[in-house]
Amino acid sequence: MHAITVESPDQLRWQETPDPVAGPDEVLIRVAAAGVNRADLLQAAGRYPPPPGASEILGMEVAGTIAAVGERVSGWSVDQPVCALLAGGGYAQYVAVPAGQLLPVPAGVDLVAAAGLPEVACTVWSNLVMTAGLRAEQTLLIHGGASGVGSHAIQVARALGARVAVTAGSAEKLELCADLGAQILINYRYDDFVARLAEVGGADLILDIIGADYLDRNLTALAPDGQLVVIGMQRGAKGQLNLGKLIGKRARIIGTALRGRPLDGPHGKAAIVAAVTAGVWPLVAEQRVRPVIGAQLSVERAGEAHRLLTSGQVAGKVVLTVP
């Protein structure tokens, strides 16, 4: 098969690599498209190696059709359209994946758009619902509202009946957030999100991709008994924490990651995938949640796709089509 290999962060080449083989509990997917994530950029830069045993090839989500089924796998069949959450291997013509990380393609979604769903859907549902217990009438603040995760989180939260505030860096991105259902729109270049959240009594839950630079301000923006869920460190990994403020608000700070989780267990990938299939896919089928694809490029242009994501100019997901 062909796959993307990393010669340097700026040199991603589409070339021949060994074919993957499905193990007894795996399926082999013939890839139609792969989603691009910031973790892929970090891995290409040598800063985020794949978990032990995972493919060294970039790519943490794909959609395509099943090419082969392992001997212990049931419930899936050859040529069935699927999408999948991966620990790696997606920027390729074929990828082997544990059957527990497979999802059916939601009704009404084509394979290219479906490739942009597994990572954001599993990230959002596992954090907002399974970890933080987001409920109707709560106020959720999403940093990076026009990102792949943010654009999906807005829709899921609104479908659950929450009030949604977002930060973004341009009028165009805020307009997209509003179209998706966000009600409090904050341009972080000019507006103070702490002050805006104070106007509505604070945020019950904050989903943060920024990290250290926002730590103290996020804590200030929380309502009493609020929760800060940190899923990224785009602006720093180390910050000072005011424990008096944390205790005074009875707040919780939670850090989570998806890629390195085990397959099995109550917090494993298989449990998250099953919960997404049951909880999110019906919302997609009802068109209450839709994939937001900001750019679509051929996989041979993976380097260009990475530069586009780094630039911050794209809203929603970047997806690579695979020949």
C-alpha atoms as a PDB file:
ATOM      1  CA  MET A   1       0.000   0.000   0.000  1.00  0.00           C
ATOM      2  CA  HIS A   2       0.911   3.685   0.050  1.00  0.00           C
ATOM      3  CA  ALA A   3       1.015   5.825   3.169  1.00  0.00           C
ATOM      4  CA  ILE A   4       2.397   9.141   4.369  1.00  0.00           C
ATOM      5  CA  THR A   5       5.882   8.926   5.839  1.00  0.00           C
ATOM      6  CA  VAL A   6       7.495  11.728   7.823  1.00  0.00           C
ATOM      7  CA  GLU A   7      10.930  12.783   6.610  1.00  0.00           C
ATOM      8  CA  SER A   8      10.737  16.054   8.579  1.00  0.00           C
ATOM      9  CA  PRO A   9       7.868  18.159   9.943  1.00  0.00           C
ATOM     10  CA  ASP A  10       7.678  19.921   6.570  1.00  0.00           C
ATOM     11  CA  GLN A  11       8.380  16.867   4.414  1.00  0.00           C
ATOM     12  CA  LEU A  12       5.478  14.414   4.363  1.00  0.00           C
ATOM     13  CA  ARG A  13       5.734  11.951   1.478  1.00  0.00           C
ATOM     14  CA  TRP A  14       3.187   9.565  -0.027  1.00  0.00           C
ATOM     15  CA  GLN A  15       5.132   6.406  -0.718  1.00  0.00           C
ATOM     16  CA  GLU A  16       4.976   2.625  -0.598  1.00  0.00           C
ATOM     17  CA  THR A  17       4.931   1.002   2.860  1.00  0.00           C
ATOM     18  CA  PRO A  18       4.208  -2.522   4.156  1.00  0.00           C
ATOM     19  CA  ASP A  19       0.585  -3.620   4.158  1.00  0.00           C
ATOM     20  CA  PRO A  20      -1.066  -3.896   7.579  1.00  0.00           C
ATOM     21  CA  VAL A  21      -2.696  -7.186   8.546  1.00  0.00           C
ATOM     22  CA  ALA A  22      -5.791  -7.473  10.737  1.00  0.00           C
ATOM     23  CA  GLY A  23      -5.273  -9.455  13.930  1.00  0.00           C
ATOM     24  CA  PRO A  24      -7.915 -11.849  15.258  1.00  0.00           C
ATOM     25  CA  ASP A  25      -9.789  -9.031  17.078  1.00  0.00           C
ATOM     26  CA  GLU A  26      -9.284  -6.414  14.374  1.00  0.00           C
ATOM     27  CA  VAL A  27     -10.662  -5.379  11.023  1.00  0.00           C
ATOM     28  CA  LEU A  28      -8.753  -4.039   8.038  1.00  0.00           C
ATOM     29  CA  ILE A  29     -10.213  -0.835   6.620  1.00  0.00           C
ATOM     30  CA  ARG A  30      -9.798   0.299   3.029  1.00  0.00           C
ATOM     31  CA  VAL A  31      -9.430   4.008   3.745  1.00  0.00           C
ATOM     32  CA  ALA A  32     -11.479   6.553   1.798  1.00  0.00           C
ATOM     33  CA  ALA A  33     -10.564   9.586   3.906  1.00  0.00           C
ATOM     34  CA  ALA A  34      -8.661  10.487   7.060  1.00  0.00           C
ATOM     35  CA  GLY A  35      -9.174  13.330   9.510  1.00  0.00           C
ATOM     36  CA  VAL A  36      -6.311  15.681  10.420  1.00  0.00           C
ATOM     37  CA  ASN A  37      -5.735  16.492  14.093  1.00  0.00           C
ATOM     38  CA  ARG A  38      -3.268  18.644  15.996  1.00  0.00           C
ATOM     39  CA  ALA A  39      -1.820  15.474  17.479  1.00  0.00           C
ATOM     40  CA  ASP A  40      -0.703  14.571  13.954  1.00  0.00           C
ATOM     41  CA  LEU A  41       1.177  17.860  13.699  1.00  0.00           C
ATOM     42  CA  LEU A  42       2.848  17.230  17.048  1.00  0.00           C
ATOM     43  CA  GLN A  43       3.799  13.692  16.060  1.00  0.00           C
ATOM     44  CA  ALA A  44       5.284  14.911  12.766  1.00  0.00           C
ATOM     45  CA  ALA A  45       7.354  17.391  14.782  1.00  0.00           C
ATOM     46  CA  GLY A  46       8.649  14.589  17.021  1.00  0.00           C
ATOM     47  CA  ARG A  47       6.783  15.852  20.081  1.00  0.00           C
ATOM     48  CA  TYR A  48       3.974  13.277  20.439  1.00  0.00           C
ATOM     49  CA  PRO A  49       4.997   9.677  19.728  1.00  0.00           C
ATOM     50  CA  PRO A  50       2.247   7.105  19.243  1.00  0.00           C
ATOM     51  CA  PRO A  51       1.350   4.831  22.163  1.00  0.00           C
ATOM     52  CA  PRO A  52       3.331   1.577  22.458  1.00  0.00           C
ATOM     53  CA  GLY A  53       2.271  -0.890  19.799  1.00  0.00           C
ATOM     54  CA  ALA A  54       0.454   1.675  17.648  1.00  0.00           C
ATOM     55  CA  SER A  55       1.307   2.389  14.028  1.00  0.00           C
ATOM     56  CA  GLU A  56       4.018   4.975  13.435  1.00  0.00           C
ATOM     57  CA  ILE A  57       1.977   6.322  10.516  1.00  0.00           C
ATOM     58  CA  LEU A  58       0.097   9.564  11.200  1.00  0.00           C
ATOM     59  CA  GLY A  59      -3.676   9.670  11.433  1.00  0.00           C
ATOM     60  CA  MET A  60      -6.097   9.099  14.322  1.00  0.00           C
ATOM     61  CA  GLU A  61      -9.412   8.729  12.489  1.00  0.00           C
ATOM     62  CA  VAL A  62     -10.605   7.375   9.161  1.00  0.00           C
ATOM     63  CA  ALA A  63     -13.647   6.367   7.187  1.00  0.00           C
ATOM     64  CA  GLY A  64     -13.823   3.715   4.504  1.00  0.00           C
ATOM     65  CA  THR A  65     -15.016   0.170   3.916  1.00  0.00           C
ATOM     66  CA  ILE A  66     -14.011  -3.066   5.609  1.00  0.00           C
ATOM     67  CA  ALA A  67     -11.512  -5.067   3.546  1.00  0.00           C
ATOM     68  CA  ALA A  68     -10.994  -7.995   5.956  1.00  0.00           C
ATOM     69  CA  VAL A  69     -12.355  -9.195   9.309  1.00  0.00           C
ATOM     70  CA  GLY A  70     -10.359 -10.940  12.041  1.00  0.00           C
ATOM     71  CA  GLU A  71     -11.353 -14.446  13.030  1.00  0.00           C
ATOM     72  CA  ARG A  72     -12.738 -13.437  16.440  1.00  0.00           C
ATOM     73  CA  VAL A  73     -14.677 -10.405  15.160  1.00  0.00           C
ATOM     74  CA  SER A  74     -18.456 -10.550  14.865  1.00  0.00           C
ATOM     75  CA  GLY A  75     -21.055  -7.981  13.878  1.00  0.00           C
ATOM     76  CA  TRP A  76     -18.995  -6.463  11.053  1.00  0.00           C
ATOM     77  CA  SER A  77     -18.669  -7.620   7.452  1.00  0.00           C
ATOM     78  CA  VAL A  78     -16.490  -7.068   4.400  1.00  0.00           C
ATOM     79  CA  ASP A  79     -17.436  -4.019   2.283  1.00  0.00           C
ATOM     80  CA  GLN A  80     -19.430  -2.467   5.146  1.00  0.00           C
ATOM     81  CA  PRO A  81     -18.942   1.327   5.366  1.00  0.00           C
ATOM     82  CA  VAL A  82     -17.370   2.307   8.699  1.00  0.00           C
ATOM     83  CA  CYS A  83     -15.432   5.015  10.455  1.00  0.00           C
ATOM     84  CA  ALA A  84     -12.942   4.428  13.220  1.00  0.00           C
ATOM     85  CA  LEU A  85     -11.012   5.953  16.087  1.00  0.00           C
ATOM     86  CA  LEU A  86      -7.298   5.123  15.819  1.00  0.00           C
ATOM     87  CA  ALA A  87      -4.119   5.413  17.832  1.00  0.00           C
ATOM     88  CA  GLY A  88      -2.309   5.883  14.504  1.00  0.00           C
ATOM     89  CA  GLY A  89      -2.119   4.655  10.910  1.00  0.00           C
ATOM     90  CA  GLY A  90      -4.835   6.707   9.224  1.00  0.00           C
ATOM     91  CA  TYR A  91      -2.813   8.506   6.528  1.00  0.00           C
ATOM     92  CA  ALA A  92      -2.708   5.344   4.420  1.00  0.00           C
ATOM     93  CA  GLN A  93      -4.655   3.232   1.954  1.00  0.00           C
ATOM     94  CA  TYR A  94      -5.306   0.550   4.588  1.00  0.00           C
ATOM     95  CA  VAL A  95      -5.308   0.469   8.388  1.00  0.00           C
ATOM     96  CA  ALA A  96      -5.935  -2.293  10.921  1.00  0.00           C
ATOM     97  CA  VAL A  97      -8.058  -1.288  13.908  1.00  0.00           C
ATOM     98  CA  PRO A  98      -9.536  -3.116  16.923  1.00  0.00           C
ATOM     99  CA  ALA A  99     -13.183  -3.914  16.301  1.00  0.00           C
ATOM    100  CA  GLY A 100     -14.094  -2.068  19.511  1.00  0.00           C
ATOM    101  CA  GLN A 101     -12.993   1.202  17.926  1.00  0.00           C
ATOM    102  CA  LEU A 102     -15.254   0.884  14.880  1.00  0.00           C
ATOM    103  CA  LEU A 103     -18.360   2.980  14.363  1.00  0.00           C
ATOM    104  CA  PRO A 104     -20.990   2.664  11.638  1.00  0.00           C
ATOM    105  CA  VAL A 105     -21.176   5.605   9.270  1.00  0.00           C
ATOM    106  CA  PRO A 106     -24.080   7.761  10.490  1.00  0.00           C
ATOM    107  CA  ALA A 107     -27.148   7.927   8.279  1.00  0.00           C
ATOM    108  CA  GLY A 108     -26.947  10.708   5.702  1.00  0.00           C
ATOM    109  CA  VAL A 109     -23.165  11.222   6.011  1.00  0.00           C
ATOM    110  CA  ASP A 110     -20.753  10.388   3.166  1.00  0.00           C
ATOM    111  CA  LEU A 111     -17.400   8.731   3.765  1.00  0.00           C
ATOM    112  CA  VAL A 112     -15.337  11.905   3.420  1.00  0.00           C
ATOM    113  CA  ALA A 113     -17.378  13.796   6.005  1.00  0.00           C
ATOM    114  CA  ALA A 114     -17.512  10.716   8.236  1.00  0.00           C
ATOM    115  CA  ALA A 115     -13.705  10.745   8.469  1.00  0.00           C
ATOM    116  CA  GLY A 116     -13.945  14.005  10.405  1.00  0.00           C
ATOM    117  CA  LEU A 117     -16.278  12.630  13.076  1.00  0.00           C
ATOM    118  CA  PRO A 118     -14.690   9.897  15.251  1.00  0.00           C
ATOM    119  CA  GLU A 119     -12.030  11.942  17.034  1.00  0.00           C
ATOM    120  CA  VAL A 120     -14.197  14.998  17.748  1.00  0.00           C
ATOM    121  CA  ALA A 121     -17.264  12.936  18.662  1.00  0.00           C
ATOM    122  CA  CYS A 122     -15.333  10.712  21.075  1.00  0.00           C
ATOM    123  CA  THR A 123     -13.461  13.682  22.558  1.00  0.00           C
ATOM    124  CA  VAL A 124     -16.575  15.772  23.084  1.00  0.00           C
ATOM    125  CA  TRP A 125     -18.894  13.045  24.391  1.00  0.00           C
ATOM    126  CA  SER A 126     -16.300  11.497  26.704  1.00  0.00           C
ATOM    127  CA  ASN A 127     -15.435  14.875  28.220  1.00  0.00           C
ATOM    128  CA  LEU A 128     -18.705  16.793  28.299  1.00  0.00           C
ATOM    129  CA  VAL A 129     -21.068  13.922  29.071  1.00  0.00           C
ATOM    130  CA  MET A 130     -19.187  10.906  30.410  1.00  0.00           C
ATOM    131  CA  THR A 131     -16.697  12.880  32.527  1.00  0.00           C
ATOM    132  CA  ALA A 132     -18.323  16.233  33.352  1.00  0.00           C
ATOM    133  CA  GLY A 133     -22.004  15.233  33.172  1.00  0.00           C
ATOM    134  CA  LEU A 134     -23.177  18.263  31.162  1.00  0.00           C
ATOM    135  CA  ARG A 135     -26.899  18.889  31.721  1.00  0.00           C
ATOM    136  CA  ALA A 136     -29.628  21.042  30.266  1.00  0.00           C
ATOM    137  CA  GLU A 137     -29.646  24.673  31.461  1.00  0.00           C
ATOM    138  CA  GLN A 138     -25.965  24.611  32.384  1.00  0.00           C
ATOM    139  CA  THR A 139     -23.599  27.165  30.844  1.00  0.00           C
ATOM    140  CA  LEU A 140     -20.698  25.753  28.839  1.00  0.00           C
ATOM    141  CA  LEU A 141     -17.718  27.828  27.684  1.00  0.00           C
ATOM    142  CA  ILE A 142     -15.809  26.366  24.729  1.00  0.00           C
ATOM    143  CA  HIS A 143     -12.434  27.828  23.856  1.00  0.00           C
ATOM    144  CA  GLY A 144     -11.733  27.542  20.142  1.00  0.00           C
ATOM    145  CA  GLY A 145     -15.388  27.337  19.214  1.00  0.00           C
ATOM    146  CA  ALA A 146     -14.698  27.155  15.480  1.00  0.00           C
ATOM    147  CA  SER A 147     -12.162  24.317  15.774  1.00  0.00           C
ATOM    148  CA  GLY A 148     -13.047  20.748  14.902  1.00  0.00           C
ATOM    149  CA  VAL A 149     -13.724  19.877  18.535  1.00  0.00           C
ATOM    150  CA  GLY A 150     -15.375  23.212  19.244  1.00  0.00           C
ATOM    151  CA  SER A 151     -17.754  23.134  16.282  1.00  0.00           C
ATOM    152  CA  HIS A 152     -18.895  19.650  17.265  1.00  0.00           C
ATOM    153  CA  ALA A 153     -19.147  20.501  20.975  1.00  0.00           C
ATOM    154  CA  ILE A 154     -21.424  23.471  20.285  1.00  0.00           C
ATOM    155  CA  GLN A 155     -23.938  21.271  18.497  1.00  0.00           C
ATOM    156  CA  VAL A 156     -23.883  18.455  21.042  1.00  0.00           C
ATOM    157  CA  ALA A 157     -24.254  20.842  23.960  1.00  0.00           C
ATOM    158  CA  ARG A 158     -27.178  22.656  22.341  1.00  0.00           C
ATOM    159  CA  ALA A 159     -28.837  19.313  21.574  1.00  0.00           C
ATOM    160  CA  LEU A 160     -28.530  18.520  25.296  1.00  0.00           C
ATOM    161  CA  GLY A 161     -30.154  21.828  26.206  1.00  0.00           C
ATOM    162  CA  ALA A 162     -27.095  23.677  27.524  1.00  0.00           C
ATOM    163  CA  ARG A 163     -26.331  27.366  27.032  1.00  0.00           C
ATOM    164  CA  VAL A 164     -23.133  27.743  24.992  1.00  0.00           C
ATOM    165  CA  ALA A 165     -20.493  30.459  25.089  1.00  0.00           C
ATOM    166  CA  VAL A 166     -17.508  30.340  22.733  1.00  0.00           C
ATOM    167  CA  THR A 167     -14.256  32.127  22.115  1.00  0.00           C
ATOM    168  CA  ALA A 168     -12.849  32.551  18.606  1.00  0.00           C
ATOM    169  CA  GLY A 169     -10.485  34.948  16.882  1.00  0.00           C
ATOM    170  CA  SER A 170     -12.505  36.394  13.995  1.00  0.00           C
ATOM    171  CA  ALA A 171     -15.968  37.593  13.101  1.00  0.00           C
ATOM    172  CA  GLU A 172     -16.235  34.865  10.472  1.00  0.00           C
ATOM    173  CA  LYS A 173     -15.486  32.117  12.968  1.00  0.00           C
ATOM    174  CA  LEU A 174     -17.934  33.574  15.475  1.00  0.00           C
ATOM    175  CA  GLU A 175     -20.583  33.681  12.753  1.00  0.00           C
ATOM    176  CA  LEU A 176     -20.051  29.953  12.163  1.00  0.00           C
ATOM    177  CA  CYS A 177     -20.348  29.314  15.911  1.00  0.00           C
ATOM    178  CA  ALA A 178     -23.622  31.243  15.976  1.00  0.00           C
ATOM    179  CA  ASP A 179     -24.934  29.241  13.018  1.00  0.00           C
ATOM    180  CA  LEU A 180     -24.139  26.066  14.956  1.00  0.00           C
ATOM    181  CA  GLY A 181     -26.083  27.291  17.991  1.00  0.00           C
ATOM    182  CA  ALA A 182     -23.661  29.222  20.220  1.00  0.00           C
ATOM    183  CA  GLN A 183     -25.418  32.022  22.112  1.00  0.00           C
ATOM    184  CA  ILE A 184     -22.565  33.979  23.742  1.00  0.00           C
ATOM    185  CA  LEU A 185     -19.923  34.977  21.188  1.00  0.00           C
ATOM    186  CA  ILE A 186     -16.550  36.233  22.430  1.00  0.00           C
ATOM    187  CA  ASN A 187     -13.750  37.474  20.173  1.00  0.00           C
ATOM    188  CA  TYR A 188     -10.726  36.712  22.338  1.00  0.00           C
ATOM    189  CA  ARG A 189      -8.651  39.344  20.511  1.00  0.00           C
ATOM    190  CA  TYR A 190     -10.845  42.167  21.855  1.00  0.00           C
ATOM    191  CA  ASP A 191     -13.219  40.816  24.504  1.00  0.00           C
ATOM    192  CA  ASP A 192     -12.600  39.590  28.061  1.00  0.00           C
ATOM    193  CA  PHE A 193     -14.217  36.171  28.372  1.00  0.00           C
ATOM    194  CA  VAL A 194     -14.058  36.378  32.169  1.00  0.00           C
ATOM    195  CA  ALA A 195     -16.166  39.547  32.172  1.00  0.00           C
ATOM    196  CA  ARG A 196     -18.628  38.146  29.640  1.00  0.00           C
ATOM    197  CA  LEU A 197     -19.157  34.976  31.667  1.00  0.00           C
ATOM    198  CA  ALA A 198     -19.573  37.016  34.865  1.00  0.00           C
ATOM    199  CA  GLU A 199     -22.606  38.643  33.232  1.00  0.00           C
ATOM    200  CA  VAL A 200     -24.394  35.267  33.208  1.00  0.00           C
ATOM    201  CA  GLY A 201     -23.191  33.985  36.570  1.00  0.00           C
ATOM    202  CA  GLY A 202     -20.102  32.147  35.355  1.00  0.00           C
ATOM    203  CA  ALA A 203     -19.566  28.919  33.445  1.00  0.00           C
ATOM    204  CA  ASP A 204     -20.683  25.620  34.936  1.00  0.00           C
ATOM    205  CA  LEU A 205     -18.244  23.874  32.613  1.00  0.00           C
ATOM    206  CA  ILE A 206     -15.280  25.045  30.518  1.00  0.00           C
ATOM    207  CA  LEU A 207     -13.789  22.935  27.716  1.00  0.00           C
ATOM    208  CA  ASP A 208     -10.254  24.238  27.251  1.00  0.00           C
ATOM    209  CA  ILE A 209      -7.678  23.617  24.523  1.00  0.00           C
ATOM    210  CA  ILE A 210      -5.397  26.527  25.510  1.00  0.00           C
ATOM    211  CA  GLY A 211      -3.797  25.279  28.720  1.00  0.00           C
ATOM    212  CA  ALA A 212      -1.522  27.219  31.047  1.00  0.00           C
ATOM    213  CA  ASP A 213      -2.076  30.696  29.638  1.00  0.00           C
ATOM    214  CA  TYR A 214      -5.799  30.527  30.464  1.00  0.00           C
ATOM    215  CA  LEU A 215      -5.574  28.588  33.733  1.00  0.00           C
ATOM    216  CA  ASP A 216      -6.191  31.409  36.220  1.00  0.00           C
ATOM    217  CA  ARG A 217      -8.702  33.209  34.000  1.00  0.00           C
ATOM    218  CA  ASN A 218     -10.622  29.993  33.451  1.00  0.00           C
ATOM    219  CA  LEU A 219     -10.824  29.437  37.185  1.00  0.00           C
ATOM    220  CA  THR A 220     -12.100  32.998  37.647  1.00  0.00           C
ATOM    221  CA  ALA A 221     -14.713  32.438  34.916  1.00  0.00           C
ATOM    222  CA  LEU A 222     -16.131  29.319  36.587  1.00  0.00           C
ATOM    223  CA  ALA A 223     -19.376  29.440  38.527  1.00  0.00           C
ATOM    224  CA  PRO A 224     -19.419  27.909  42.022  1.00  0.00           C
ATOM    225  CA  ASP A 225     -19.108  24.112  41.787  1.00  0.00           C
ATOM    226  CA  GLY A 226     -17.900  24.536  38.198  1.00  0.00           C
ATOM    227  CA  GLN A 227     -15.632  22.205  36.259  1.00  0.00           C
ATOM    228  CA  LEU A 228     -12.651  23.022  34.047  1.00  0.00           C
ATOM    229  CA  VAL A 229     -11.816  20.230  31.591  1.00  0.00           C
ATOM    230  CA  VAL A 230      -8.420  20.706  29.939  1.00  0.00           C
ATOM    231  CA  ILE A 231      -7.866  18.756  26.723  1.00  0.00           C
ATOM    232  CA  GLY A 232      -5.063  20.783  25.110  1.00  0.00           C
ATOM    233  CA  MET A 233      -1.981  22.850  25.819  1.00  0.00           C
ATOM    234  CA  GLN A 234      -1.732  25.125  22.781  1.00  0.00           C
ATOM    235  CA  ARG A 235      -0.410  27.982  24.922  1.00  0.00           C
ATOM    236  CA  GLY A 236       1.604  26.302  27.614  1.00  0.00           C
ATOM    237  CA  ALA A 237       1.806  23.259  29.846  1.00  0.00           C
ATOM    238  CA  LYS A 238       2.806  24.880  33.154  1.00  0.00           C
ATOM    239  CA  GLY A 239       0.854  27.545  35.007  1.00  0.00           C
ATOM    240  CA  GLN A 240       0.257  28.815  38.524  1.00  0.00           C
ATOM    241  CA  LEU A 241      -2.867  27.597  40.279  1.00  0.00           C
ATOM    242  CA  ASN A 242      -4.575  29.695  42.954  1.00  0.00           C
ATOM    243  CA  LEU A 243      -5.710  26.999  45.358  1.00  0.00           C
ATOM    244  CA  GLY A 244      -7.675  29.509  47.426  1.00  0.00           C
ATOM    245  CA  LYS A 245      -9.784  30.362  44.395  1.00  0.00           C
ATOM    246  CA  LEU A 246     -10.188  26.679  43.551  1.00  0.00           C
ATOM    247  CA  ILE A 247     -11.328  25.780  47.060  1.00  0.00           C
ATOM    248  CA  GLY A 248     -13.497  28.873  47.424  1.00  0.00           C
ATOM    249  CA  LYS A 249     -15.463  27.915  44.305  1.00  0.00           C
ATOM    250  CA  ARG A 250     -15.534  24.194  45.156  1.00  0.00           C
ATOM    251  CA  ALA A 251     -14.300  23.794  41.595  1.00  0.00           C
ATOM    252  CA  ARG A 252     -12.786  20.818  39.821  1.00  0.00           C
ATOM    253  CA  ILE A 253      -9.976  20.804  37.263  1.00  0.00           C
ATOM    254  CA  ILE A 254      -9.869  17.698  35.088  1.00  0.00           C
ATOM    255  CA  GLY A 255      -7.225  16.765  32.533  1.00  0.00           C
ATOM    256  CA  THR A 256      -8.012  14.131  29.931  1.00  0.00           C
ATOM    257  CA  ALA A 257      -6.533  12.597  26.797  1.00  0.00           C
ATOM    258  CA  LEU A 258      -8.038  10.118  24.345  1.00  0.00           C
ATOM    259  CA  ARG A 259      -5.222   8.662  22.255  1.00  0.00           C
ATOM    260  CA  GLY A 260      -3.377   6.760  24.972  1.00  0.00           C
ATOM    261  CA  ARG A 261      -6.418   5.178  26.632  1.00  0.00           C
ATOM    262  CA  PRO A 262      -6.653   1.398  26.654  1.00  0.00           C
ATOM    263  CA  LEU A 263      -9.215  -0.329  24.503  1.00  0.00           C
ATOM    264  CA  ASP A 264     -11.127  -1.952  27.353  1.00  0.00           C
ATOM    265  CA  GLY A 265     -12.409  -0.834  30.746  1.00  0.00           C
ATOM    266  CA  PRO A 266     -15.048   1.691  31.865  1.00  0.00           C
ATOM    267  CA  HIS A 267     -12.985   4.608  30.552  1.00  0.00           C
ATOM    268  CA  GLY A 268     -11.502   2.784  27.569  1.00  0.00           C
ATOM    269  CA  LYS A 269     -11.916   3.535  23.894  1.00  0.00           C
ATOM    270  CA  ALA A 270     -14.419   0.758  23.274  1.00  0.00           C
ATOM    271  CA  ALA A 271     -16.740   2.137  25.972  1.00  0.00           C
ATOM    272  CA  ILE A 272     -16.440   5.655  24.559  1.00  0.00           C
ATOM    273  CA  VAL A 273     -17.078   4.475  20.997  1.00  0.00           C
ATOM    274  CA  ALA A 274     -20.160   2.538  22.123  1.00  0.00           C
ATOM    275  CA  ALA A 275     -21.471   5.582  24.007  1.00  0.00           C
ATOM    276  CA  VAL A 276     -20.920   7.831  20.968  1.00  0.00           C
ATOM    277  CA  THR A 277     -22.708   5.370  18.701  1.00  0.00           C
ATOM    278  CA  ALA A 278     -25.670   5.311  21.080  1.00  0.00           C
ATOM    279  CA  GLY A 279     -25.718   8.987  22.084  1.00  0.00           C
ATOM    280  CA  VAL A 280     -24.349  11.040  19.202  1.00  0.00           C
ATOM    281  CA  TRP A 281     -25.066   9.115  16.025  1.00  0.00           C
ATOM    282  CA  PRO A 282     -28.868   9.499  16.414  1.00  0.00           C
ATOM    283  CA  LEU A 283     -28.326  13.274  16.680  1.00  0.00           C
ATOM    284  CA  VAL A 284     -26.328  13.170  13.449  1.00  0.00           C
ATOM    285  CA  ALA A 285     -29.005  11.090  11.728  1.00  0.00           C
ATOM    286  CA  GLU A 286     -31.600  13.663  12.852  1.00  0.00           C
ATOM    287  CA  GLN A 287     -29.334  16.460  11.504  1.00  0.00           C
ATOM    288  CA  ARG A 288     -29.166  18.094  14.931  1.00  0.00           C
ATOM    289  CA  VAL A 289     -25.403  17.559  14.772  1.00  0.00           C
ATOM    290  CA  ARG A 290     -23.521  17.700  11.481  1.00  0.00           C
ATOM    291  CA  PRO A 291     -19.899  17.290  10.444  1.00  0.00           C
ATOM    292  CA  VAL A 292     -18.174  20.628   9.899  1.00  0.00           C
ATOM    293  CA  ILE A 293     -15.538  20.140   7.202  1.00  0.00           C
ATOM    294  CA  GLY A 294     -13.472  23.274   6.655  1.00  0.00           C
ATOM    295  CA  ALA A 295     -11.083  21.902   4.034  1.00  0.00           C
ATOM    296  CA  GLN A 296     -10.682  18.756   1.950  1.00  0.00           C
ATOM    297  CA  LEU A 297      -7.357  17.874   0.321  1.00  0.00           C
ATOM    298  CA  SER A 298      -5.860  14.757  -1.239  1.00  0.00           C
ATOM    299  CA  VAL A 299      -3.609  12.785   1.089  1.00  0.00           C
ATOM    300  CA  GLU A 300      -0.597  13.534  -1.112  1.00  0.00           C
ATOM    301  CA  ARG A 301      -1.025  17.145   0.108  1.00  0.00           C
ATOM    302  CA  ALA A 302      -0.832  16.178   3.782  1.00  0.00           C
ATOM    303  CA  GLY A 303       1.968  18.689   4.404  1.00  0.00           C
ATOM    304  CA  GLU A 304      -0.203  21.470   3.020  1.00  0.00           C
ATOM    305  CA  ALA A 305      -3.079  20.283   5.218  1.00  0.00           C
ATOM    306  CA  HIS A 306      -0.836  20.478   8.282  1.00  0.00           C
ATOM    307  CA  ARG A 307       0.238  24.013   7.402  1.00  0.00           C
ATOM    308  CA  LEU A 308      -3.391  24.996   6.915  1.00  0.00           C
ATOM    309  CA  LEU A 309      -4.345  23.674  10.351  1.00  0.00           C
ATOM    310  CA  THR A 310      -1.334  25.403  11.934  1.00  0.00           C
ATOM    311  CA  SER A 311      -2.290  28.721  10.343  1.00  0.00           C
ATOM    312  CA  GLY A 312      -5.606  28.854  12.190  1.00  0.00           C
ATOM    313  CA  GLN A 313      -7.329  29.995   9.006  1.00  0.00           C
ATOM    314  CA  VAL A 314      -9.596  26.983   8.691  1.00  0.00           C
ATOM    315  CA  ALA A 315     -12.762  26.410  10.704  1.00  0.00           C
ATOM    316  CA  GLY A 316     -13.974  22.910  11.432  1.00  0.00           C
ATOM    317  CA  LYS A 317     -12.118  19.787  10.381  1.00  0.00           C
ATOM    318  CA  VAL A 318      -9.464  19.269   7.720  1.00  0.00           C
ATOM    319  CA  VAL A 319      -9.922  15.960   5.895  1.00  0.00           C
ATOM    320  CA  LEU A 320      -7.606  14.072   3.532  1.00  0.00           C
ATOM    321  CA  THR A 321      -9.069  11.964   0.720  1.00  0.00           C
ATOM    322  CA  VAL A 322      -7.208   8.735  -0.025  1.00  0.00           C
ATOM    323  CA  PRO A 323      -6.951   7.155  -3.497  1.00  0.00           C
END
